[in-house]
Amino acid sequence: MQAAIHPRCADRPVPSRQVLRAARGLLSLTYPNKELFHRQCALLRGAVPAGFPSPADDYVEQRISLDEHLVRHPESTFFMRVAGDSMRGLGIFDGDLLVVDRSLPAAHGCVVIAVLDGEFTVKQLLHTAEGQVLRAAHPDYPDLHIKPEQDFSIWGVVRWNVHKV
């Protein structure tokens, strides 16, 4: 599991059904406690060393629920599946599962789920002198400079990224 770059990042209006339907091509939306994190797993005592393991730490200390660890605001947290590679420079890959919190404010540098002209996208939010910019973390994707005439909102802030190693 990998945390987003800036965890303090948007409570915005819920998009229409039409916007949600359009988003399914990019991200599939799953509600918390429905599929992945409701099961408790064993938590080993102490951190896992990256060097040589200690034989003394080979026992279970307690049980851990990923819901309790990853979901701070259950009523406003959603899981979304990534489609595409525009964020791979920040360690977000095609097929990854994002934990998105809609109750957090979006700050400069946060990885967000944005709705731009009716389409969902995952990008890094930047506040510049010229206005807001959505930046991909891949050189093949240009910055998206938000124009006043565009329909734009921040749907949520990415708190965690879960992917297979």
N, C-alpha and C. Protein backbone atom coordinates (compact mmCIF):
# COMPACT_ATOMS: atom_id res chain seq x y z
N MET A 1 0.84 -1.18 0.00
CA MET A 1 0.00 0.00 0.00
C MET A 1 0.87 1.23 0.00
N GLN A 2 0.36 2.28 -0.61
CA GLN A 2 1.16 3.49 -0.76
C GLN A 2 0.24 4.68 -0.53
N ALA A 3 0.67 5.61 0.30
CA ALA A 3 -0.15 6.79 0.57
C ALA A 3 -0.03 7.79 -0.57
N ALA A 4 -1.06 8.59 -0.74
CA ALA A 4 -1.02 9.68 -1.71
C ALA A 4 0.01 10.70 -1.26
N ILE A 5 0.43 11.57 -2.15
CA ILE A 5 1.47 12.55 -1.86
C ILE A 5 1.08 13.47 -0.71
N HIS A 6 -0.11 14.05 -0.76
CA HIS A 6 -0.56 14.97 0.27
C HIS A 6 -1.88 14.48 0.84
N PRO A 7 -1.87 13.92 2.09
CA PRO A 7 -3.10 13.36 2.63
C PRO A 7 -4.12 14.41 3.06
N ARG A 8 -3.74 15.69 3.26
CA ARG A 8 -4.70 16.71 3.68
C ARG A 8 -5.36 17.34 2.47
N CYS A 9 -5.99 16.64 1.78
CA CYS A 9 -6.59 17.20 0.60
C CYS A 9 -8.09 16.89 0.56
N ALA A 10 -12.15 16.64 -0.92
CA ALA A 10 -12.78 17.89 -1.13
C ALA A 10 -14.23 17.60 -1.07
N ASP A 11 -14.76 18.16 -0.25
CA ASP A 11 -16.17 17.89 -0.08
C ASP A 11 -16.91 18.73 -1.10
N ARG A 12 -17.33 18.13 -2.18
CA ARG A 12 -18.00 18.83 -3.27
C ARG A 12 -19.36 18.19 -3.52
N PRO A 13 -20.20 18.84 -4.33
CA PRO A 13 -21.50 18.26 -4.63
C PRO A 13 -21.36 16.91 -5.32
N VAL A 14 -22.33 16.03 -5.06
CA VAL A 14 -22.34 14.72 -5.68
C VAL A 14 -22.68 14.89 -7.16
N PRO A 15 -21.91 14.29 -8.07
CA PRO A 15 -22.21 14.44 -9.49
C PRO A 15 -23.51 13.73 -9.86
N SER A 16 -24.07 14.15 -10.97
CA SER A 16 -25.32 13.57 -11.43
C SER A 16 -25.13 12.12 -11.84
N ARG A 17 -26.24 11.40 -12.01
CA ARG A 17 -26.15 10.00 -12.46
C ARG A 17 -25.46 9.90 -13.81
N GLN A 18 -25.68 10.90 -14.66
CA GLN A 18 -25.06 10.91 -15.98
C GLN A 18 -23.53 10.98 -15.85
N VAL A 19 -23.05 11.82 -14.94
CA VAL A 19 -21.61 11.94 -14.72
C VAL A 19 -21.06 10.64 -14.14
N LEU A 20 -21.79 10.04 -13.20
CA LEU A 20 -21.33 8.78 -12.61
C LEU A 20 -21.28 7.68 -13.66
N ARG A 21 -22.28 7.62 -14.55
CA ARG A 21 -22.26 6.62 -15.62
C ARG A 21 -21.06 6.84 -16.53
N ALA A 22 -20.77 8.09 -16.86
CA ALA A 22 -19.63 8.39 -17.73
C ALA A 22 -18.32 8.00 -17.07
N ALA A 23 -18.26 8.10 -15.76
CA ALA A 23 -17.02 7.81 -15.02
C ALA A 23 -16.68 6.34 -15.02
N ARG A 24 -17.65 5.48 -15.20
CA ARG A 24 -17.38 4.04 -15.10
C ARG A 24 -16.37 3.59 -16.14
N GLY A 25 -16.23 4.32 -17.26
CA GLY A 25 -15.21 3.97 -18.25
C GLY A 25 -13.81 4.22 -17.73
N LEU A 26 -13.65 5.22 -16.86
CA LEU A 26 -12.34 5.57 -16.33
C LEU A 26 -12.10 4.91 -14.97
N LEU A 27 -13.05 5.05 -14.08
CA LEU A 27 -12.89 4.54 -12.73
C LEU A 27 -14.15 3.79 -12.34
N SER A 28 -14.00 2.64 -11.73
CA SER A 28 -15.19 1.95 -11.25
C SER A 28 -15.33 2.25 -9.77
N LEU A 29 -16.50 2.67 -9.37
CA LEU A 29 -16.76 3.14 -8.02
C LEU A 29 -17.28 1.99 -7.17
N THR A 30 -16.71 1.80 -6.01
CA THR A 30 -17.16 0.79 -5.09
C THR A 30 -17.34 1.45 -3.73
N TYR A 31 -18.33 1.05 -3.00
CA TYR A 31 -18.61 1.65 -1.71
C TYR A 31 -17.85 0.94 -0.61
N PRO A 32 -17.49 1.65 0.46
CA PRO A 32 -16.72 1.03 1.54
C PRO A 32 -17.48 -0.11 2.20
N ASN A 33 -16.73 -1.00 2.78
CA ASN A 33 -17.26 -2.14 3.53
C ASN A 33 -18.06 -3.10 2.67
N LYS A 34 -17.94 -3.02 1.36
CA LYS A 34 -18.69 -3.91 0.49
C LYS A 34 -17.84 -5.05 -0.04
N GLU A 35 -16.53 -4.84 -0.23
CA GLU A 35 -15.80 -5.91 -0.87
C GLU A 35 -14.45 -6.23 -0.25
N LEU A 36 -13.62 -5.27 0.02
CA LEU A 36 -12.22 -5.59 0.29
C LEU A 36 -11.84 -5.54 1.77
N PHE A 37 -12.25 -4.53 2.49
CA PHE A 37 -11.63 -4.25 3.77
C PHE A 37 -12.43 -4.67 4.99
N HIS A 38 -13.55 -5.33 4.86
CA HIS A 38 -14.34 -5.63 6.04
C HIS A 38 -13.79 -6.81 6.83
N ARG A 39 -12.86 -7.56 6.30
CA ARG A 39 -12.29 -8.72 6.96
C ARG A 39 -11.09 -8.32 7.79
N GLN A 40 -10.95 -8.90 8.98
CA GLN A 40 -9.78 -8.59 9.81
C GLN A 40 -8.67 -9.58 9.50
N CYS A 41 -7.44 -9.09 9.47
CA CYS A 41 -6.27 -9.90 9.20
C CYS A 41 -5.30 -9.77 10.37
N ALA A 42 -4.36 -10.70 10.45
CA ALA A 42 -3.39 -10.69 11.54
C ALA A 42 -2.41 -9.53 11.37
N LEU A 43 -2.05 -8.90 12.49
CA LEU A 43 -1.03 -7.86 12.51
C LEU A 43 0.16 -8.40 13.29
N LEU A 44 1.32 -8.46 12.65
CA LEU A 44 2.51 -8.94 13.34
C LEU A 44 3.06 -7.84 14.23
N ARG A 45 3.61 -8.22 15.35
CA ARG A 45 4.17 -7.26 16.29
C ARG A 45 5.42 -6.64 15.69
N GLY A 46 5.51 -5.32 15.76
CA GLY A 46 6.67 -4.61 15.25
C GLY A 46 6.60 -4.41 13.75
N ALA A 47 7.46 -3.55 13.27
CA ALA A 47 7.53 -3.26 11.84
C ALA A 47 8.31 -4.34 11.12
N VAL A 48 8.11 -4.45 9.83
CA VAL A 48 8.84 -5.43 9.03
C VAL A 48 10.14 -4.79 8.58
N PRO A 49 11.29 -5.36 8.99
CA PRO A 49 12.56 -4.78 8.58
C PRO A 49 12.83 -5.07 7.11
N ALA A 50 13.51 -4.16 6.47
CA ALA A 50 13.87 -4.36 5.07
C ALA A 50 15.18 -5.15 4.95
N GLY A 51 15.87 -5.34 6.08
CA GLY A 51 17.11 -6.12 6.08
C GLY A 51 16.82 -7.57 6.45
N PHE A 52 17.55 -8.09 7.44
CA PHE A 52 17.37 -9.48 7.87
C PHE A 52 16.26 -9.55 8.91
N PRO A 53 15.29 -10.48 8.76
CA PRO A 53 14.19 -10.59 9.72
C PRO A 53 14.66 -11.15 11.06
N SER A 54 13.95 -10.77 12.11
CA SER A 54 14.26 -11.26 13.46
C SER A 54 13.35 -12.44 13.77
N PRO A 55 13.91 -13.60 14.16
CA PRO A 55 13.07 -14.76 14.49
C PRO A 55 12.17 -14.50 15.70
N ALA A 56 12.52 -13.56 16.57
CA ALA A 56 11.72 -13.28 17.76
C ALA A 56 10.41 -12.58 17.42
N ASP A 57 10.33 -11.95 16.27
CA ASP A 57 9.12 -11.22 15.89
C ASP A 57 8.14 -12.08 15.11
N ASP A 58 8.30 -13.38 15.17
CA ASP A 58 7.49 -14.28 14.36
C ASP A 58 6.22 -14.72 15.09
N TYR A 59 5.45 -13.79 15.62
CA TYR A 59 4.18 -14.14 16.24
C TYR A 59 3.19 -12.99 16.08
N VAL A 60 1.93 -13.33 16.22
CA VAL A 60 0.86 -12.36 16.01
C VAL A 60 0.58 -11.60 17.29
N GLU A 61 0.52 -10.26 17.20
CA GLU A 61 0.22 -9.43 18.36
C GLU A 61 -1.27 -9.18 18.50
N GLN A 62 -1.96 -8.86 17.42
CA GLN A 62 -3.38 -8.53 17.45
C GLN A 62 -3.96 -8.69 16.06
N ARG A 63 -5.25 -8.40 15.92
CA ARG A 63 -5.91 -8.42 14.63
C ARG A 63 -6.05 -6.97 14.16
N ILE A 64 -6.00 -6.76 12.84
CA ILE A 64 -6.14 -5.42 12.29
C ILE A 64 -7.18 -5.46 11.18
N SER A 65 -7.98 -4.41 11.14
CA SER A 65 -8.94 -4.24 10.06
C SER A 65 -8.44 -3.12 9.17
N LEU A 66 -8.34 -3.37 7.87
CA LEU A 66 -7.89 -2.32 6.97
C LEU A 66 -8.90 -1.17 6.92
N ASP A 67 -10.17 -1.46 7.16
CA ASP A 67 -11.16 -0.38 7.26
C ASP A 67 -10.74 0.61 8.34
N GLU A 68 -10.39 0.10 9.51
CA GLU A 68 -10.01 0.98 10.62
C GLU A 68 -8.71 1.72 10.33
N HIS A 69 -7.84 1.11 9.58
CA HIS A 69 -6.53 1.70 9.30
C HIS A 69 -6.58 2.71 8.15
N LEU A 70 -7.35 2.41 7.10
CA LEU A 70 -7.33 3.24 5.89
C LEU A 70 -8.51 4.19 5.76
N VAL A 71 -9.60 3.93 6.47
CA VAL A 71 -10.81 4.72 6.29
C VAL A 71 -11.06 5.55 7.54
N ARG A 72 -10.80 6.85 7.44
CA ARG A 72 -11.00 7.76 8.57
C ARG A 72 -12.45 8.22 8.67
N HIS A 73 -13.10 8.44 7.53
CA HIS A 73 -14.49 8.92 7.48
C HIS A 73 -15.32 7.95 6.64
N PRO A 74 -15.85 6.88 7.26
CA PRO A 74 -16.53 5.83 6.49
C PRO A 74 -17.70 6.34 5.64
N GLU A 75 -18.43 7.31 6.13
CA GLU A 75 -19.60 7.80 5.40
C GLU A 75 -19.22 8.60 4.16
N SER A 76 -17.99 9.05 4.05
CA SER A 76 -17.59 9.85 2.90
C SER A 76 -16.39 9.24 2.15
N THR A 77 -16.11 7.96 2.39
CA THR A 77 -14.98 7.30 1.75
C THR A 77 -15.48 6.31 0.70
N PHE A 78 -14.84 6.33 -0.45
CA PHE A 78 -15.19 5.45 -1.56
C PHE A 78 -13.92 4.83 -2.11
N PHE A 79 -14.08 3.67 -2.75
CA PHE A 79 -12.98 3.01 -3.42
C PHE A 79 -13.19 3.19 -4.93
N MET A 80 -12.12 3.50 -5.63
CA MET A 80 -12.20 3.67 -7.08
C MET A 80 -11.05 2.92 -7.74
N ARG A 81 -11.34 2.26 -8.83
CA ARG A 81 -10.34 1.51 -9.57
C ARG A 81 -9.78 2.39 -10.69
N VAL A 82 -8.47 2.43 -10.85
CA VAL A 82 -7.80 3.27 -11.85
C VAL A 82 -7.79 2.55 -13.19
N ALA A 83 -8.03 3.32 -14.25
CA ALA A 83 -7.87 2.82 -15.62
C ALA A 83 -6.95 3.79 -16.35
N GLY A 84 -5.80 3.32 -16.77
CA GLY A 84 -4.87 4.17 -17.48
C GLY A 84 -3.56 4.36 -16.72
N ASP A 85 -2.61 5.02 -17.37
CA ASP A 85 -1.27 5.14 -16.79
C ASP A 85 -0.80 6.58 -16.61
N SER A 86 -1.73 7.54 -16.60
CA SER A 86 -1.31 8.94 -16.52
C SER A 86 -0.72 9.33 -15.17
N MET A 87 -0.86 8.50 -14.15
CA MET A 87 -0.35 8.85 -12.82
C MET A 87 0.77 7.93 -12.35
N ARG A 88 1.37 7.19 -13.27
CA ARG A 88 2.37 6.21 -12.86
C ARG A 88 3.61 6.84 -12.24
N GLY A 89 3.90 8.09 -12.56
CA GLY A 89 5.03 8.77 -11.94
C GLY A 89 4.88 8.99 -10.45
N LEU A 90 3.65 8.91 -9.95
CA LEU A 90 3.38 9.00 -8.51
C LEU A 90 3.05 7.63 -7.92
N GLY A 91 3.34 6.57 -8.67
CA GLY A 91 3.12 5.22 -8.16
C GLY A 91 1.68 4.76 -8.24
N ILE A 92 0.85 5.38 -9.07
CA ILE A 92 -0.55 4.98 -9.26
C ILE A 92 -0.63 4.35 -10.65
N PHE A 93 -0.95 3.05 -10.68
CA PHE A 93 -0.91 2.29 -11.92
C PHE A 93 -2.29 1.80 -12.33
N ASP A 94 -2.40 1.41 -13.60
CA ASP A 94 -3.63 0.86 -14.14
C ASP A 94 -4.07 -0.33 -13.28
N GLY A 95 -5.32 -0.33 -12.84
CA GLY A 95 -5.85 -1.41 -12.02
C GLY A 95 -5.73 -1.18 -10.53
N ASP A 96 -4.99 -0.17 -10.09
CA ASP A 96 -4.86 0.11 -8.65
C ASP A 96 -6.20 0.49 -8.05
N LEU A 97 -6.32 0.28 -6.76
CA LEU A 97 -7.52 0.64 -6.02
C LEU A 97 -7.20 1.88 -5.18
N LEU A 98 -7.93 2.97 -5.42
CA LEU A 98 -7.73 4.21 -4.68
C LEU A 98 -8.75 4.31 -3.56
N VAL A 99 -8.32 4.77 -2.40
CA VAL A 99 -9.22 5.07 -1.29
C VAL A 99 -9.39 6.58 -1.31
N VAL A 100 -10.62 7.03 -1.59
CA VAL A 100 -10.93 8.44 -1.82
C VAL A 100 -11.84 8.95 -0.72
N ASP A 101 -11.43 10.06 -0.09
CA ASP A 101 -12.22 10.68 0.98
C ASP A 101 -12.80 11.99 0.47
N ARG A 102 -14.13 12.08 0.46
CA ARG A 102 -14.81 13.27 -0.03
C ARG A 102 -14.94 14.36 1.04
N SER A 103 -14.58 14.06 2.28
CA SER A 103 -14.75 15.04 3.35
C SER A 103 -13.53 15.93 3.54
N LEU A 104 -12.45 15.65 2.86
CA LEU A 104 -11.21 16.42 3.04
C LEU A 104 -11.12 17.57 2.04
N PRO A 105 -10.57 18.70 2.46
CA PRO A 105 -10.37 19.81 1.52
C PRO A 105 -9.20 19.51 0.59
N ALA A 106 -9.33 19.93 -0.65
CA ALA A 106 -8.27 19.70 -1.63
C ALA A 106 -7.26 20.84 -1.54
N ALA A 107 -6.02 20.50 -1.22
CA ALA A 107 -4.96 21.50 -1.10
C ALA A 107 -4.01 21.36 -2.29
N HIS A 108 -3.19 22.37 -2.47
CA HIS A 108 -2.17 22.37 -3.52
C HIS A 108 -1.30 21.12 -3.40
N GLY A 109 -1.16 20.38 -4.49
CA GLY A 109 -0.32 19.20 -4.50
C GLY A 109 -1.02 17.90 -4.21
N CYS A 110 -2.27 17.95 -3.78
CA CYS A 110 -3.01 16.73 -3.48
C CYS A 110 -3.33 15.96 -4.76
N VAL A 111 -3.40 14.66 -4.64
CA VAL A 111 -3.92 13.83 -5.72
C VAL A 111 -5.42 13.77 -5.49
N VAL A 112 -6.18 14.14 -6.53
CA VAL A 112 -7.63 14.27 -6.40
C VAL A 112 -8.35 13.50 -7.50
N ILE A 113 -9.62 13.23 -7.23
CA ILE A 113 -10.54 12.78 -8.25
C ILE A 113 -11.31 14.03 -8.64
N ALA A 114 -11.18 14.44 -9.89
CA ALA A 114 -11.83 15.65 -10.38
C ALA A 114 -12.88 15.26 -11.42
N VAL A 115 -13.89 16.12 -11.54
CA VAL A 115 -14.87 15.99 -12.62
C VAL A 115 -14.66 17.21 -13.52
N LEU A 116 -14.23 16.97 -14.74
CA LEU A 116 -13.95 18.04 -15.69
C LEU A 116 -14.81 17.83 -16.93
N ASP A 117 -15.73 18.76 -17.14
CA ASP A 117 -16.67 18.67 -18.27
C ASP A 117 -17.37 17.32 -18.31
N GLY A 118 -17.83 16.86 -17.14
CA GLY A 118 -18.61 15.63 -17.05
C GLY A 118 -17.81 14.35 -17.04
N GLU A 119 -16.49 14.42 -17.02
CA GLU A 119 -15.63 13.24 -17.04
C GLU A 119 -14.79 13.17 -15.76
N PHE A 120 -14.73 11.99 -15.15
CA PHE A 120 -13.87 11.78 -13.99
C PHE A 120 -12.43 11.64 -14.44
N THR A 121 -11.50 12.13 -13.62
CA THR A 121 -10.08 11.93 -13.85
C THR A 121 -9.35 11.96 -12.52
N VAL A 122 -8.25 11.25 -12.44
CA VAL A 122 -7.40 11.31 -11.26
C VAL A 122 -6.14 12.07 -11.66
N LYS A 123 -5.84 13.15 -10.94
CA LYS A 123 -4.68 14.00 -11.25
C LYS A 123 -4.21 14.68 -9.97
N GLN A 124 -3.05 15.32 -10.07
CA GLN A 124 -2.53 16.13 -8.98
C GLN A 124 -3.06 17.55 -9.17
N LEU A 125 -3.62 18.13 -8.11
CA LEU A 125 -4.18 19.48 -8.16
C LEU A 125 -3.10 20.49 -7.81
N LEU A 126 -2.96 21.49 -8.68
CA LEU A 126 -2.00 22.57 -8.42
C LEU A 126 -2.74 23.91 -8.48
N HIS A 127 -2.40 24.81 -7.56
CA HIS A 127 -2.92 26.17 -7.58
C HIS A 127 -1.79 27.06 -8.06
N THR A 128 -1.98 27.70 -9.22
CA THR A 128 -0.94 28.56 -9.79
C THR A 128 -1.47 29.99 -9.88
N ALA A 129 -0.60 30.90 -10.28
CA ALA A 129 -1.01 32.30 -10.46
C ALA A 129 -2.07 32.42 -11.55
N GLU A 130 -2.03 31.52 -12.53
CA GLU A 130 -3.01 31.54 -13.62
C GLU A 130 -4.31 30.82 -13.28
N GLY A 131 -4.36 30.10 -12.18
CA GLY A 131 -5.56 29.35 -11.78
C GLY A 131 -5.23 27.92 -11.42
N GLN A 132 -6.26 27.08 -11.41
CA GLN A 132 -6.07 25.68 -11.05
C GLN A 132 -5.59 24.87 -12.26
N VAL A 133 -4.72 23.90 -11.95
CA VAL A 133 -4.16 23.02 -12.97
C VAL A 133 -4.28 21.59 -12.47
N LEU A 134 -4.67 20.68 -13.37
CA LEU A 134 -4.64 19.25 -13.08
C LEU A 134 -3.44 18.67 -13.81
N ARG A 135 -2.54 18.09 -13.05
CA ARG A 135 -1.27 17.60 -13.62
C ARG A 135 -1.22 16.07 -13.56
N ALA A 136 -0.90 15.47 -14.68
CA ALA A 136 -0.64 14.04 -14.74
C ALA A 136 0.79 13.79 -14.27
N ALA A 137 1.07 12.57 -13.91
CA ALA A 137 2.42 12.19 -13.48
C ALA A 137 3.03 11.27 -14.52
N HIS A 138 2.93 11.71 -15.77
CA HIS A 138 3.44 10.96 -16.91
C HIS A 138 3.77 11.97 -18.00
N PRO A 139 4.94 11.88 -18.62
CA PRO A 139 5.35 12.90 -19.59
C PRO A 139 4.49 12.96 -20.86
N ASP A 140 3.74 11.92 -21.17
CA ASP A 140 2.92 11.91 -22.38
C ASP A 140 1.59 12.65 -22.21
N TYR A 141 1.28 13.10 -21.00
CA TYR A 141 0.00 13.75 -20.73
C TYR A 141 0.23 15.21 -20.37
N PRO A 142 -0.38 16.14 -21.11
CA PRO A 142 -0.17 17.57 -20.81
C PRO A 142 -0.97 18.00 -19.58
N ASP A 143 -0.56 19.12 -19.00
CA ASP A 143 -1.32 19.72 -17.90
C ASP A 143 -2.68 20.16 -18.41
N LEU A 144 -3.69 20.07 -17.55
CA LEU A 144 -5.03 20.55 -17.87
C LEU A 144 -5.26 21.85 -17.10
N HIS A 145 -5.20 22.96 -17.79
CA HIS A 145 -5.44 24.26 -17.18
C HIS A 145 -6.95 24.50 -17.17
N ILE A 146 -7.50 24.70 -15.97
CA ILE A 146 -8.94 24.84 -15.83
C ILE A 146 -9.36 26.24 -16.26
N LYS A 147 -10.25 26.30 -17.23
CA LYS A 147 -10.75 27.59 -17.72
C LYS A 147 -12.07 27.91 -17.03
N PRO A 148 -12.38 29.20 -16.84
CA PRO A 148 -13.61 29.58 -16.13
C PRO A 148 -14.88 29.01 -16.76
N GLU A 149 -14.89 28.81 -18.06
CA GLU A 149 -16.10 28.32 -18.73
C GLU A 149 -16.27 26.80 -18.62
N GLN A 150 -15.27 26.11 -18.09
CA GLN A 150 -15.36 24.66 -17.96
C GLN A 150 -16.14 24.27 -16.72
N ASP A 151 -16.85 23.15 -16.83
CA ASP A 151 -17.56 22.56 -15.69
C ASP A 151 -16.52 21.75 -14.92
N PHE A 152 -16.15 22.22 -13.72
CA PHE A 152 -15.06 21.61 -12.97
C PHE A 152 -15.42 21.53 -11.49
N SER A 153 -15.15 20.37 -10.89
CA SER A 153 -15.29 20.23 -9.44
C SER A 153 -14.33 19.15 -8.96
N ILE A 154 -13.97 19.26 -7.70
CA ILE A 154 -13.16 18.23 -7.05
C ILE A 154 -14.14 17.28 -6.38
N TRP A 155 -14.09 16.02 -6.76
CA TRP A 155 -15.02 15.02 -6.23
C TRP A 155 -14.52 14.44 -4.92
N GLY A 156 -13.22 14.27 -4.80
CA GLY A 156 -12.65 13.70 -3.58
C GLY A 156 -11.13 13.75 -3.60
N VAL A 157 -10.55 13.47 -2.46
CA VAL A 157 -9.10 13.47 -2.29
C VAL A 157 -8.61 12.04 -2.11
N VAL A 158 -7.60 11.66 -2.87
CA VAL A 158 -7.05 10.31 -2.77
C VAL A 158 -6.20 10.24 -1.51
N ARG A 159 -6.57 9.32 -0.61
CA ARG A 159 -5.84 9.13 0.65
C ARG A 159 -4.84 7.99 0.56
N TRP A 160 -5.23 6.92 -0.11
CA TRP A 160 -4.38 5.73 -0.19
C TRP A 160 -4.46 5.14 -1.59
N ASN A 161 -3.41 4.47 -1.98
CA ASN A 161 -3.35 3.73 -3.23
C ASN A 161 -2.96 2.29 -2.88
N VAL A 162 -3.77 1.34 -3.32
CA VAL A 162 -3.50 -0.08 -3.04
C VAL A 162 -3.20 -0.75 -4.37
N HIS A 163 -2.02 -1.35 -4.46
CA HIS A 163 -1.71 -2.08 -5.70
C HIS A 163 -0.86 -3.30 -5.39
N LYS A 164 -0.91 -4.22 -6.33
CA LYS A 164 -0.16 -5.45 -6.21
C LYS A 164 1.33 -5.17 -6.42
N VAL A 165 2.15 -5.80 -5.62
CA VAL A 165 3.60 -5.63 -5.74
C VAL A 165 4.15 -6.73 -6.62
